[in-house]
PDB file of all heavy atoms in Angstrom:
ATOM      1  N   ASN A   1      -9.124  24.785  -9.297  1.00  0.00           N
ATOM      2  CA  ASN A   1      -9.031  24.226  -7.937  1.00  0.00           C
ATOM      3  C   ASN A   1     -10.406  23.615  -7.540  1.00  0.00           C
ATOM      4  O   ASN A   1     -10.792  23.701  -6.327  1.00  0.00           O
ATOM      5  CB  ASN A   1      -8.606  25.298  -6.892  1.00  0.00           C
ATOM      6  CG  ASN A   1      -7.165  25.632  -7.053  1.00  0.00           C
ATOM      7  OD1 ASN A   1      -6.465  25.163  -7.915  1.00  0.00           O
ATOM      8  ND2 ASN A   1      -6.726  26.534  -6.142  1.00  0.00           N
ATOM      9  N   ARG A   2     -11.050  22.980  -8.454  1.00  0.00           N
ATOM     10  CA  ARG A   2     -12.372  22.419  -8.162  1.00  0.00           C
ATOM     11  C   ARG A   2     -12.491  20.948  -8.587  1.00  0.00           C
ATOM     12  O   ARG A   2     -11.893  20.509  -9.497  1.00  0.00           O
ATOM     13  CB  ARG A   2     -13.488  23.244  -8.920  1.00  0.00           C
ATOM     14  CG  ARG A   2     -13.750  24.578  -8.276  1.00  0.00           C
ATOM     15  CD  ARG A   2     -14.940  25.231  -8.924  1.00  0.00           C
ATOM     16  NE  ARG A   2     -15.317  26.506  -8.302  1.00  0.00           N
ATOM     17  CZ  ARG A   2     -16.167  26.590  -7.303  1.00  0.00           C
ATOM     18  NH1 ARG A   2     -16.757  25.460  -6.818  1.00  0.00           N
ATOM     19  NH2 ARG A   2     -16.443  27.808  -6.773  1.00  0.00           N
ATOM     20  N   VAL A   3     -13.260  20.235  -7.763  1.00  0.00           N
ATOM     21  CA  VAL A   3     -13.587  18.881  -8.107  1.00  0.00           C
ATOM     22  C   VAL A   3     -15.123  18.813  -8.083  1.00  0.00           C
ATOM     23  O   VAL A   3     -15.769  19.522  -7.303  1.00  0.00           O
ATOM     24  CB  VAL A   3     -12.965  17.889  -7.090  1.00  0.00           C
ATOM     25  CG1 VAL A   3     -13.340  18.134  -5.666  1.00  0.00           C
ATOM     26  CG2 VAL A   3     -13.233  16.467  -7.551  1.00  0.00           C
ATOM     27  N   TYR A   4     -15.677  17.995  -8.981  1.00  0.00           N
ATOM     28  CA  TYR A   4     -17.104  17.903  -9.151  1.00  0.00           C
ATOM     29  C   TYR A   4     -17.618  16.495  -9.046  1.00  0.00           C
ATOM     30  O   TYR A   4     -16.815  15.520  -9.347  1.00  0.00           O
ATOM     31  CB  TYR A   4     -17.500  18.423 -10.543  1.00  0.00           C
ATOM     32  CG  TYR A   4     -16.968  19.810 -10.881  1.00  0.00           C
ATOM     33  CD1 TYR A   4     -15.842  19.980 -11.606  1.00  0.00           C
ATOM     34  CD2 TYR A   4     -17.688  20.916 -10.431  1.00  0.00           C
ATOM     35  CE1 TYR A   4     -15.340  21.222 -11.885  1.00  0.00           C
ATOM     36  CE2 TYR A   4     -17.243  22.207 -10.775  1.00  0.00           C
ATOM     37  CZ  TYR A   4     -16.071  22.349 -11.488  1.00  0.00           C
ATOM     38  OH  TYR A   4     -15.607  23.593 -11.707  1.00  0.00           O
ATOM     39  N   LEU A   5     -18.851  16.361  -8.629  1.00  0.00           N
ATOM     40  CA  LEU A   5     -19.560  15.031  -8.609  1.00  0.00           C
ATOM     41  C   LEU A   5     -20.922  15.257  -9.305  1.00  0.00           C
ATOM     42  O   LEU A   5     -21.786  15.879  -8.704  1.00  0.00           O
ATOM     43  CB  LEU A   5     -19.667  14.549  -7.234  1.00  0.00           C
ATOM     44  CG  LEU A   5     -20.286  13.089  -7.117  1.00  0.00           C
ATOM     45  CD1 LEU A   5     -19.288  12.123  -7.697  1.00  0.00           C
ATOM     46  CD2 LEU A   5     -20.682  12.748  -5.692  1.00  0.00           C
ATOM     47  N   GLN A   6     -20.953  14.792 -10.516  1.00  0.00           N
ATOM     48  CA  GLN A   6     -22.229  14.883 -11.305  1.00  0.00           C
ATOM     49  C   GLN A   6     -23.028  13.637 -10.966  1.00  0.00           C
ATOM     50  O   GLN A   6     -22.525  12.492 -11.130  1.00  0.00           O
ATOM     51  CB  GLN A   6     -21.960  14.980 -12.781  1.00  0.00           C
ATOM     52  CG  GLN A   6     -23.236  14.965 -13.564  1.00  0.00           C
ATOM     53  CD  GLN A   6     -24.081  16.166 -13.485  1.00  0.00           C
ATOM     54  OE1 GLN A   6     -23.540  17.306 -13.430  1.00  0.00           O
ATOM     55  NE2 GLN A   6     -25.379  15.972 -13.349  1.00  0.00           N
ATOM     56  N   MET A   7     -24.250  13.834 -10.408  1.00  0.00           N
ATOM     57  CA  MET A   7     -25.074  12.788  -9.976  1.00  0.00           C
ATOM     58  C   MET A   7     -26.336  12.705 -10.766  1.00  0.00           C
ATOM     59  O   MET A   7     -27.083  13.630 -10.767  1.00  0.00           O
ATOM     60  CB  MET A   7     -25.441  12.893  -8.531  1.00  0.00           C
ATOM     61  CG  MET A   7     -24.181  13.064  -7.611  1.00  0.00           C
ATOM     62  SD  MET A   7     -24.589  13.210  -5.843  1.00  0.00           S
ATOM     63  CE  MET A   7     -25.192  14.907  -5.844  1.00  0.00           C
ATOM     64  N   ASN A   8     -26.503  11.625 -11.548  1.00  0.00           N
ATOM     65  CA  ASN A   8     -27.683  11.394 -12.376  1.00  0.00           C
ATOM     66  C   ASN A   8     -28.485  10.244 -11.918  1.00  0.00           C
ATOM     67  O   ASN A   8     -27.971   9.382 -11.074  1.00  0.00           O
ATOM     68  CB  ASN A   8     -27.224  11.152 -13.824  1.00  0.00           C
ATOM     69  CG  ASN A   8     -26.451  12.346 -14.410  1.00  0.00           C
ATOM     70  OD1 ASN A   8     -26.718  13.497 -14.084  1.00  0.00           O
ATOM     71  ND2 ASN A   8     -25.524  12.034 -15.330  1.00  0.00           N
ATOM     72  N   SER A   9     -29.681  10.102 -12.327  1.00  0.00           N
ATOM     73  CA  SER A   9     -30.565   9.006 -11.965  1.00  0.00           C
ATOM     74  C   SER A   9     -30.624   8.845 -10.449  1.00  0.00           C
ATOM     75  O   SER A   9     -30.466   7.724  -9.955  1.00  0.00           O
ATOM     76  CB  SER A   9     -30.162   7.731 -12.608  1.00  0.00           C
ATOM     77  OG  SER A   9     -30.161   7.908 -14.064  1.00  0.00           O
ATOM     78  N   LEU A  10     -30.752   9.952  -9.758  1.00  0.00           N
ATOM     79  CA  LEU A  10     -30.712   9.862  -8.258  1.00  0.00           C
ATOM     80  C   LEU A  10     -31.819   9.024  -7.649  1.00  0.00           C
ATOM     81  O   LEU A  10     -32.980   8.958  -8.216  1.00  0.00           O
ATOM     82  CB  LEU A  10     -30.660  11.279  -7.730  1.00  0.00           C
ATOM     83  CG  LEU A  10     -29.313  12.014  -7.838  1.00  0.00           C
ATOM     84  CD1 LEU A  10     -29.537  13.515  -7.697  1.00  0.00           C
ATOM     85  CD2 LEU A  10     -28.413  11.486  -6.799  1.00  0.00           C
ATOM     86  N   LYS A  11     -31.508   8.373  -6.618  1.00  0.00           N
ATOM     87  CA  LYS A  11     -32.422   7.496  -5.888  1.00  0.00           C
ATOM     88  C   LYS A  11     -32.557   8.032  -4.412  1.00  0.00           C
ATOM     89  O   LYS A  11     -31.641   8.713  -3.927  1.00  0.00           O
ATOM     90  CB  LYS A  11     -31.901   6.115  -5.801  1.00  0.00           C
ATOM     91  CG  LYS A  11     -31.591   5.522  -7.160  1.00  0.00           C
ATOM     92  CD  LYS A  11     -30.916   4.136  -7.028  1.00  0.00           C
ATOM     93  CE  LYS A  11     -30.592   3.540  -8.376  1.00  0.00           C
ATOM     94  NZ  LYS A  11     -29.945   2.211  -8.247  1.00  0.00           N
ATOM     95  N   PRO A  12     -33.708   7.708  -3.775  1.00  0.00           N
ATOM     96  CA  PRO A  12     -33.801   8.177  -2.390  1.00  0.00           C
ATOM     97  C   PRO A  12     -32.714   7.683  -1.474  1.00  0.00           C
ATOM     98  O   PRO A  12     -32.280   8.367  -0.562  1.00  0.00           O
ATOM     99  CB  PRO A  12     -35.156   7.595  -2.016  1.00  0.00           C
ATOM    100  CG  PRO A  12     -35.944   7.503  -3.330  1.00  0.00           C
ATOM    101  CD  PRO A  12     -34.900   7.161  -4.284  1.00  0.00           C
ATOM    102  N   GLU A  13     -32.150   6.539  -1.804  1.00  0.00           N
ATOM    103  CA  GLU A  13     -31.045   6.020  -0.979  1.00  0.00           C
ATOM    104  C   GLU A  13     -29.781   6.756  -1.186  1.00  0.00           C
ATOM    105  O   GLU A  13     -28.741   6.505  -0.493  1.00  0.00           O
ATOM    106  CB  GLU A  13     -30.819   4.495  -1.253  1.00  0.00           C
ATOM    107  CG  GLU A  13     -30.719   4.169  -2.691  1.00  0.00           C
ATOM    108  CD  GLU A  13     -32.026   3.632  -3.263  1.00  0.00           C
ATOM    109  OE1 GLU A  13     -33.052   4.283  -3.008  1.00  0.00           O
ATOM    110  OE2 GLU A  13     -31.976   2.629  -4.042  1.00  0.00           O
ATOM    111  N   ASP A  14     -29.713   7.714  -2.084  1.00  0.00           N
ATOM    112  CA  ASP A  14     -28.554   8.551  -2.275  1.00  0.00           C
ATOM    113  C   ASP A  14     -28.600   9.737  -1.314  1.00  0.00           C
ATOM    114  O   ASP A  14     -27.662  10.518  -1.255  1.00  0.00           O
ATOM    115  CB  ASP A  14     -28.486   9.118  -3.706  1.00  0.00           C
ATOM    116  CG  ASP A  14     -28.224   8.011  -4.772  1.00  0.00           C
ATOM    117  OD1 ASP A  14     -27.388   7.152  -4.493  1.00  0.00           O
ATOM    118  OD2 ASP A  14     -28.833   8.086  -5.841  1.00  0.00           O
ATOM    119  N   THR A  15     -29.680   9.919  -0.593  1.00  0.00           N
ATOM    120  CA  THR A  15     -29.823  10.965   0.374  1.00  0.00           C
ATOM    121  C   THR A  15     -28.705  10.912   1.411  1.00  0.00           C
ATOM    122  O   THR A  15     -28.568   9.815   2.065  1.00  0.00           O
ATOM    123  CB  THR A  15     -31.185  10.983   1.008  1.00  0.00           C
ATOM    124  OG1 THR A  15     -32.207  11.278  -0.001  1.00  0.00           O
ATOM    125  CG2 THR A  15     -31.333  12.014   2.118  1.00  0.00           C
ATOM    126  N   ALA A  16     -27.941  11.968   1.639  1.00  0.00           N
ATOM    127  CA  ALA A  16     -26.930  11.932   2.568  1.00  0.00           C
ATOM    128  C   ALA A  16     -26.190  13.266   2.605  1.00  0.00           C
ATOM    129  O   ALA A  16     -26.446  14.107   1.733  1.00  0.00           O
ATOM    130  CB  ALA A  16     -25.850  10.835   2.238  1.00  0.00           C
ATOM    131  N   VAL A  17     -25.280  13.541   3.510  1.00  0.00           N
ATOM    132  CA  VAL A  17     -24.362  14.615   3.460  1.00  0.00           C
ATOM    133  C   VAL A  17     -23.191  14.179   2.671  1.00  0.00           C
ATOM    134  O   VAL A  17     -22.605  13.107   2.967  1.00  0.00           O
ATOM    135  CB  VAL A  17     -23.968  15.087   4.878  1.00  0.00           C
ATOM    136  CG1 VAL A  17     -22.930  16.219   4.776  1.00  0.00           C
ATOM    137  CG2 VAL A  17     -25.214  15.519   5.684  1.00  0.00           C
ATOM    138  N   TYR A  18     -22.821  14.895   1.693  1.00  0.00           N
ATOM    139  CA  TYR A  18     -21.680  14.559   0.787  1.00  0.00           C
ATOM    140  C   TYR A  18     -20.458  15.387   1.236  1.00  0.00           C
ATOM    141  O   TYR A  18     -20.552  16.618   1.332  1.00  0.00           O
ATOM    142  CB  TYR A  18     -22.042  14.824  -0.712  1.00  0.00           C
ATOM    143  CG  TYR A  18     -22.943  13.691  -1.229  1.00  0.00           C
ATOM    144  CD1 TYR A  18     -24.266  13.576  -0.791  1.00  0.00           C
ATOM    145  CD2 TYR A  18     -22.482  12.756  -2.074  1.00  0.00           C
ATOM    146  CE1 TYR A  18     -25.096  12.583  -1.281  1.00  0.00           C
ATOM    147  CE2 TYR A  18     -23.288  11.731  -2.558  1.00  0.00           C
ATOM    148  CZ  TYR A  18     -24.572  11.647  -2.125  1.00  0.00           C
ATOM    149  OH  TYR A  18     -25.394  10.607  -2.601  1.00  0.00           O
ATOM    150  N   TYR A  19     -19.334  14.694   1.314  1.00  0.00           N
ATOM    151  CA  TYR A  19     -18.121  15.243   1.752  1.00  0.00           C
ATOM    152  C   TYR A  19     -16.988  15.185   0.701  1.00  0.00           C
ATOM    153  O   TYR A  19     -16.873  13.997   0.098  1.00  0.00           O
ATOM    154  CB  TYR A  19     -17.659  14.641   3.072  1.00  0.00           C
ATOM    155  CG  TYR A  19     -18.527  14.762   4.255  1.00  0.00           C
ATOM    156  CD1 TYR A  19     -19.454  13.887   4.536  1.00  0.00           C
ATOM    157  CD2 TYR A  19     -18.366  15.854   5.065  1.00  0.00           C
ATOM    158  CE1 TYR A  19     -20.330  13.970   5.628  1.00  0.00           C
ATOM    159  CE2 TYR A  19     -19.198  16.014   6.183  1.00  0.00           C
ATOM    160  CZ  TYR A  19     -20.127  15.085   6.439  1.00  0.00           C
ATOM    161  OH  TYR A  19     -21.023  15.228   7.528  1.00  0.00           O
ATOM    162  N   CYS A  20     -16.204  16.164   0.537  1.00  0.00           N
ATOM    163  CA  CYS A  20     -15.076  16.174  -0.308  1.00  0.00           C
ATOM    164  C   CYS A  20     -13.857  15.904   0.624  1.00  0.00           C
ATOM    165  O   CYS A  20     -13.818  16.455   1.724  1.00  0.00           O
ATOM    166  CB  CYS A  20     -14.962  17.480  -1.007  1.00  0.00           C
ATOM    167  SG  CYS A  20     -13.496  17.798  -2.011  1.00  0.00           S
ATOM    168  N   ALA A  21     -12.892  15.189   0.131  1.00  0.00           N
ATOM    169  CA  ALA A  21     -11.652  14.848   0.949  1.00  0.00           C
ATOM    170  C   ALA A  21     -10.434  14.879   0.047  1.00  0.00           C
ATOM    171  O   ALA A  21     -10.502  14.628  -1.155  1.00  0.00           O
ATOM    172  CB  ALA A  21     -11.841  13.558   1.649  1.00  0.00           C
ATOM    173  N   ALA A  22      -9.304  15.225   0.682  1.00  0.00           N
ATOM    174  CA  ALA A  22      -8.034  15.238   0.017  1.00  0.00           C
ATOM    175  C   ALA A  22      -7.113  14.101   0.515  1.00  0.00           C
ATOM    176  O   ALA A  22      -7.020  13.950   1.725  1.00  0.00           O
ATOM    177  CB  ALA A  22      -7.373  16.625   0.150  1.00  0.00           C
ATOM    178  N   GLU A  23      -6.472  13.428  -0.402  1.00  0.00           N
ATOM    179  CA  GLU A  23      -5.563  12.361  -0.062  1.00  0.00           C
ATOM    180  C   GLU A  23      -4.161  12.713  -0.625  1.00  0.00           C
ATOM    181  O   GLU A  23      -3.964  12.714  -1.779  1.00  0.00           O
ATOM    182  CB  GLU A  23      -6.108  11.083  -0.630  1.00  0.00           C
ATOM    183  CG  GLU A  23      -5.524   9.781  -0.049  1.00  0.00           C
ATOM    184  CD  GLU A  23      -4.264   9.248  -0.725  1.00  0.00           C
ATOM    185  OE1 GLU A  23      -4.330   9.136  -1.948  1.00  0.00           O
ATOM    186  OE2 GLU A  23      -3.286   9.041  -0.077  1.00  0.00           O
ATOM    187  N   THR A  24      -3.262  13.071   0.239  1.00  0.00           N
ATOM    188  CA  THR A  24      -2.029  13.643  -0.198  1.00  0.00           C
ATOM    189  C   THR A  24      -0.825  12.602  -0.328  1.00  0.00           C
ATOM    190  O   THR A  24       0.132  12.978  -0.977  1.00  0.00           O
ATOM    191  CB  THR A  24      -1.538  14.734   0.825  1.00  0.00           C
ATOM    192  OG1 THR A  24      -1.380  14.171   2.118  1.00  0.00           O
ATOM    193  CG2 THR A  24      -2.573  15.870   0.932  1.00  0.00           C
ATOM    194  N   ASP A  25      -0.966  11.443   0.209  1.00  0.00           N
ATOM    195  CA  ASP A  25       0.126  10.541   0.229  1.00  0.00           C
ATOM    196  C   ASP A  25       0.381   9.920  -1.149  1.00  0.00           C
ATOM    197  O   ASP A  25       1.522   9.624  -1.548  1.00  0.00           O
ATOM    198  CB  ASP A  25      -0.113   9.344   1.236  1.00  0.00           C
ATOM    199  CG  ASP A  25       0.105   9.882   2.597  1.00  0.00           C
ATOM    200  OD1 ASP A  25       0.744  10.975   2.773  1.00  0.00           O
ATOM    201  OD2 ASP A  25      -0.218   9.119   3.574  1.00  0.00           O
ATOM    202  N   ARG A  26      -0.707   9.640  -1.912  1.00  0.00           N
ATOM    203  CA  ARG A  26      -0.513   8.963  -3.229  1.00  0.00           C
ATOM    204  C   ARG A  26      -1.323   9.705  -4.268  1.00  0.00           C
ATOM    205  O   ARG A  26      -2.420   9.281  -4.659  1.00  0.00           O
ATOM    206  CB  ARG A  26      -0.998   7.491  -3.044  1.00  0.00           C
ATOM    207  CG  ARG A  26      -0.225   6.646  -2.145  1.00  0.00           C
ATOM    208  CD  ARG A  26      -0.746   5.298  -2.008  1.00  0.00           C
ATOM    209  NE  ARG A  26      -2.123   5.254  -1.440  1.00  0.00           N
ATOM    210  CZ  ARG A  26      -2.867   4.125  -1.297  1.00  0.00           C
ATOM    211  NH1 ARG A  26      -2.370   2.971  -1.746  1.00  0.00           N
ATOM    212  NH2 ARG A  26      -4.024   4.220  -0.798  1.00  0.00           N
ATOM    213  N   PRO A  27      -0.806  10.818  -4.799  1.00  0.00           N
ATOM    214  CA  PRO A  27      -1.572  11.683  -5.667  1.00  0.00           C
ATOM    215  C   PRO A  27      -1.953  11.054  -6.966  1.00  0.00           C
ATOM    216  O   PRO A  27      -2.956  11.403  -7.602  1.00  0.00           O
ATOM    217  CB  PRO A  27      -0.649  12.889  -5.879  1.00  0.00           C
ATOM    218  CG  PRO A  27       0.663  12.412  -5.519  1.00  0.00           C
ATOM    219  CD  PRO A  27       0.538  11.405  -4.455  1.00  0.00           C
ATOM    220  N   LEU A  28      -1.162  10.099  -7.431  1.00  0.00           N
ATOM    221  CA  LEU A  28      -1.418   9.476  -8.754  1.00  0.00           C
ATOM    222  C   LEU A  28      -2.427   8.335  -8.682  1.00  0.00           C
ATOM    223  O   LEU A  28      -2.856   7.815  -9.672  1.00  0.00           O
ATOM    224  CB  LEU A  28      -0.077   9.000  -9.352  1.00  0.00           C
ATOM    225  CG  LEU A  28       0.939  10.010  -9.670  1.00  0.00           C
ATOM    226  CD1 LEU A  28       2.213   9.362 -10.162  1.00  0.00           C
ATOM    227  CD2 LEU A  28       0.419  11.004 -10.710  1.00  0.00           C
ATOM    228  N   TYR A  29      -2.792   8.040  -7.454  1.00  0.00           N
ATOM    229  CA  TYR A  29      -3.660   6.865  -7.176  1.00  0.00           C
ATOM    230  C   TYR A  29      -5.085   7.278  -7.034  1.00  0.00           C
ATOM    231  O   TYR A  29      -5.417   8.299  -6.368  1.00  0.00           O
ATOM    232  CB  TYR A  29      -3.178   6.114  -5.971  1.00  0.00           C
ATOM    233  CG  TYR A  29      -3.906   4.882  -5.578  1.00  0.00           C
ATOM    234  CD1 TYR A  29      -3.934   3.810  -6.490  1.00  0.00           C
ATOM    235  CD2 TYR A  29      -4.494   4.664  -4.371  1.00  0.00           C
ATOM    236  CE1 TYR A  29      -4.577   2.622  -6.224  1.00  0.00           C
ATOM    237  CE2 TYR A  29      -5.163   3.531  -4.049  1.00  0.00           C
ATOM    238  CZ  TYR A  29      -5.275   2.494  -4.991  1.00  0.00           C
ATOM    239  OH  TYR A  29      -5.919   1.398  -4.634  1.00  0.00           O
ATOM    240  N   SER A  30      -6.081   6.601  -7.656  1.00  0.00           N
ATOM    241  CA  SER A  30      -7.435   7.000  -7.537  1.00  0.00           C
ATOM    242  C   SER A  30      -8.278   6.018  -6.738  1.00  0.00           C
ATOM    243  O   SER A  30      -9.516   6.120  -6.678  1.00  0.00           O
ATOM    244  CB  SER A  30      -8.055   7.189  -8.877  1.00  0.00           C
ATOM    245  OG  SER A  30      -8.100   5.904  -9.585  1.00  0.00           O
ATOM    246  N   GLY A  31      -7.636   5.020  -6.153  1.00  0.00           N
ATOM    247  CA  GLY A  31      -8.374   3.930  -5.513  1.00  0.00           C
ATOM    248  C   GLY A  31      -8.547   4.010  -4.012  1.00  0.00           C
ATOM    249  O   GLY A  31      -8.904   3.013  -3.395  1.00  0.00           O
ATOM    250  N   SER A  32      -8.233   5.153  -3.433  1.00  0.00           N
ATOM    251  CA  SER A  32      -8.380   5.276  -1.932  1.00  0.00           C
ATOM    252  C   SER A  32      -9.790   5.304  -1.553  1.00  0.00           C
ATOM    253  O   SER A  32     -10.522   6.260  -1.894  1.00  0.00           O
ATOM    254  CB  SER A  32      -7.620   6.457  -1.482  1.00  0.00           C
ATOM    255  OG  SER A  32      -6.223   6.372  -1.725  1.00  0.00           O
ATOM    256  N   ARG A  33     -10.322   4.303  -0.866  1.00  0.00           N
ATOM    257  CA  ARG A  33     -11.737   4.232  -0.518  1.00  0.00           C
ATOM    258  C   ARG A  33     -12.012   4.210   0.992  1.00  0.00           C
ATOM    259  O   ARG A  33     -13.195   3.945   1.328  1.00  0.00           O
ATOM    260  CB  ARG A  33     -12.343   3.009  -1.217  1.00  0.00           C
ATOM    261  CG  ARG A  33     -11.638   1.684  -0.820  1.00  0.00           C
ATOM    262  CD  ARG A  33     -12.144   0.506  -1.600  1.00  0.00           C
ATOM    263  NE  ARG A  33     -13.533   0.225  -1.247  1.00  0.00           N
ATOM    264  CZ  ARG A  33     -14.260  -0.806  -1.650  1.00  0.00           C
ATOM    265  NH1 ARG A  33     -13.636  -1.742  -2.421  1.00  0.00           N
ATOM    266  NH2 ARG A  33     -15.496  -0.994  -1.354  1.00  0.00           N
ATOM    267  N   TYR A  34     -11.004   4.357   1.779  1.00  0.00           N
ATOM    268  CA  TYR A  34     -11.230   4.374   3.189  1.00  0.00           C
ATOM    269  C   TYR A  34     -11.036   5.735   3.754  1.00  0.00           C
ATOM    270  O   TYR A  34     -10.100   6.484   3.383  1.00  0.00           O
ATOM    271  CB  TYR A  34     -10.344   3.359   3.869  1.00  0.00           C
ATOM    272  CG  TYR A  34     -10.565   1.944   3.408  1.00  0.00           C
ATOM    273  CD1 TYR A  34      -9.716   1.314   2.411  1.00  0.00           C
ATOM    274  CD2 TYR A  34     -11.690   1.171   3.753  1.00  0.00           C
ATOM    275  CE1 TYR A  34      -9.946   0.071   1.993  1.00  0.00           C
ATOM    276  CE2 TYR A  34     -11.940  -0.070   3.241  1.00  0.00           C
ATOM    277  CZ  TYR A  34     -11.077  -0.616   2.373  1.00  0.00           C
ATOM    278  OH  TYR A  34     -11.278  -1.882   1.878  1.00  0.00           O
ATOM    279  N   THR A  35     -11.816   6.125   4.788  1.00  0.00           N
ATOM    280  CA  THR A  35     -11.797   7.447   5.289  1.00  0.00           C
ATOM    281  C   THR A  35     -10.427   7.728   5.937  1.00  0.00           C
ATOM    282  O   THR A  35      -9.904   8.901   5.832  1.00  0.00           O
ATOM    283  CB  THR A  35     -12.816   7.691   6.399  1.00  0.00           C
ATOM    284  OG1 THR A  35     -12.712   6.655   7.410  1.00  0.00           O
ATOM    285  CG2 THR A  35     -14.214   7.533   5.795  1.00  0.00           C
ATOM    286  N   ASP A  36      -9.704   6.759   6.516  1.00  0.00           N
ATOM    287  CA  ASP A  36      -8.444   7.065   7.148  1.00  0.00           C
ATOM    288  C   ASP A  36      -7.355   7.229   6.121  1.00  0.00           C
ATOM    289  O   ASP A  36      -6.216   7.562   6.516  1.00  0.00           O
ATOM    290  CB  ASP A  36      -8.107   6.006   8.188  1.00  0.00           C
ATOM    291  CG  ASP A  36      -7.960   4.612   7.607  1.00  0.00           C
ATOM    292  OD1 ASP A  36      -8.100   4.386   6.401  1.00  0.00           O
ATOM    293  OD2 ASP A  36      -7.777   3.649   8.346  1.00  0.00           O
ATOM    294  N   GLN A  37      -7.642   7.100   4.847  1.00  0.00           N
ATOM    295  CA  GLN A  37      -6.586   7.362   3.885  1.00  0.00           C
ATOM    296  C   GLN A  37      -6.561   8.880   3.502  1.00  0.00           C
ATOM    297  O   GLN A  37      -5.676   9.265   2.720  1.00  0.00           O
ATOM    298  CB  GLN A  37      -6.845   6.528   2.611  1.00  0.00           C
ATOM    299  CG  GLN A  37      -6.691   5.021   2.872  1.00  0.00           C
ATOM    300  CD  GLN A  37      -7.000   4.164   1.652  1.00  0.00           C
ATOM    301  OE1 GLN A  37      -8.170   4.181   1.224  1.00  0.00           O
ATOM    302  NE2 GLN A  37      -6.069   3.439   1.112  1.00  0.00           N
ATOM    303  N   TYR A  38      -7.560   9.571   3.915  1.00  0.00           N
ATOM    304  CA  TYR A  38      -7.679  10.959   3.578  1.00  0.00           C
ATOM    305  C   TYR A  38      -7.292  11.875   4.659  1.00  0.00           C
ATOM    306  O   TYR A  38      -7.621  11.597   5.888  1.00  0.00           O
ATOM    307  CB  TYR A  38      -9.191  11.269   3.102  1.00  0.00           C
ATOM    308  CG  TYR A  38      -9.468  10.605   1.770  1.00  0.00           C
ATOM    309  CD1 TYR A  38      -9.792   9.286   1.728  1.00  0.00           C
ATOM    310  CD2 TYR A  38      -9.380  11.362   0.618  1.00  0.00           C
ATOM    311  CE1 TYR A  38     -10.040   8.640   0.491  1.00  0.00           C
ATOM    312  CE2 TYR A  38      -9.596  10.763  -0.649  1.00  0.00           C
ATOM    313  CZ  TYR A  38      -9.946   9.420  -0.635  1.00  0.00           C
ATOM    314  OH  TYR A  38     -10.202   8.816  -1.894  1.00  0.00           O
TER     315      TYR A  38
END
């Protein structure tokens, strides 16, 4: 029940709070890029 984000070659502009989100409407789709889709 885990999802991971491996981050390499990090840059100062990567500084942020990182959030995990679940998108239940289209489970087979990986292209949801808008916050209101989650």
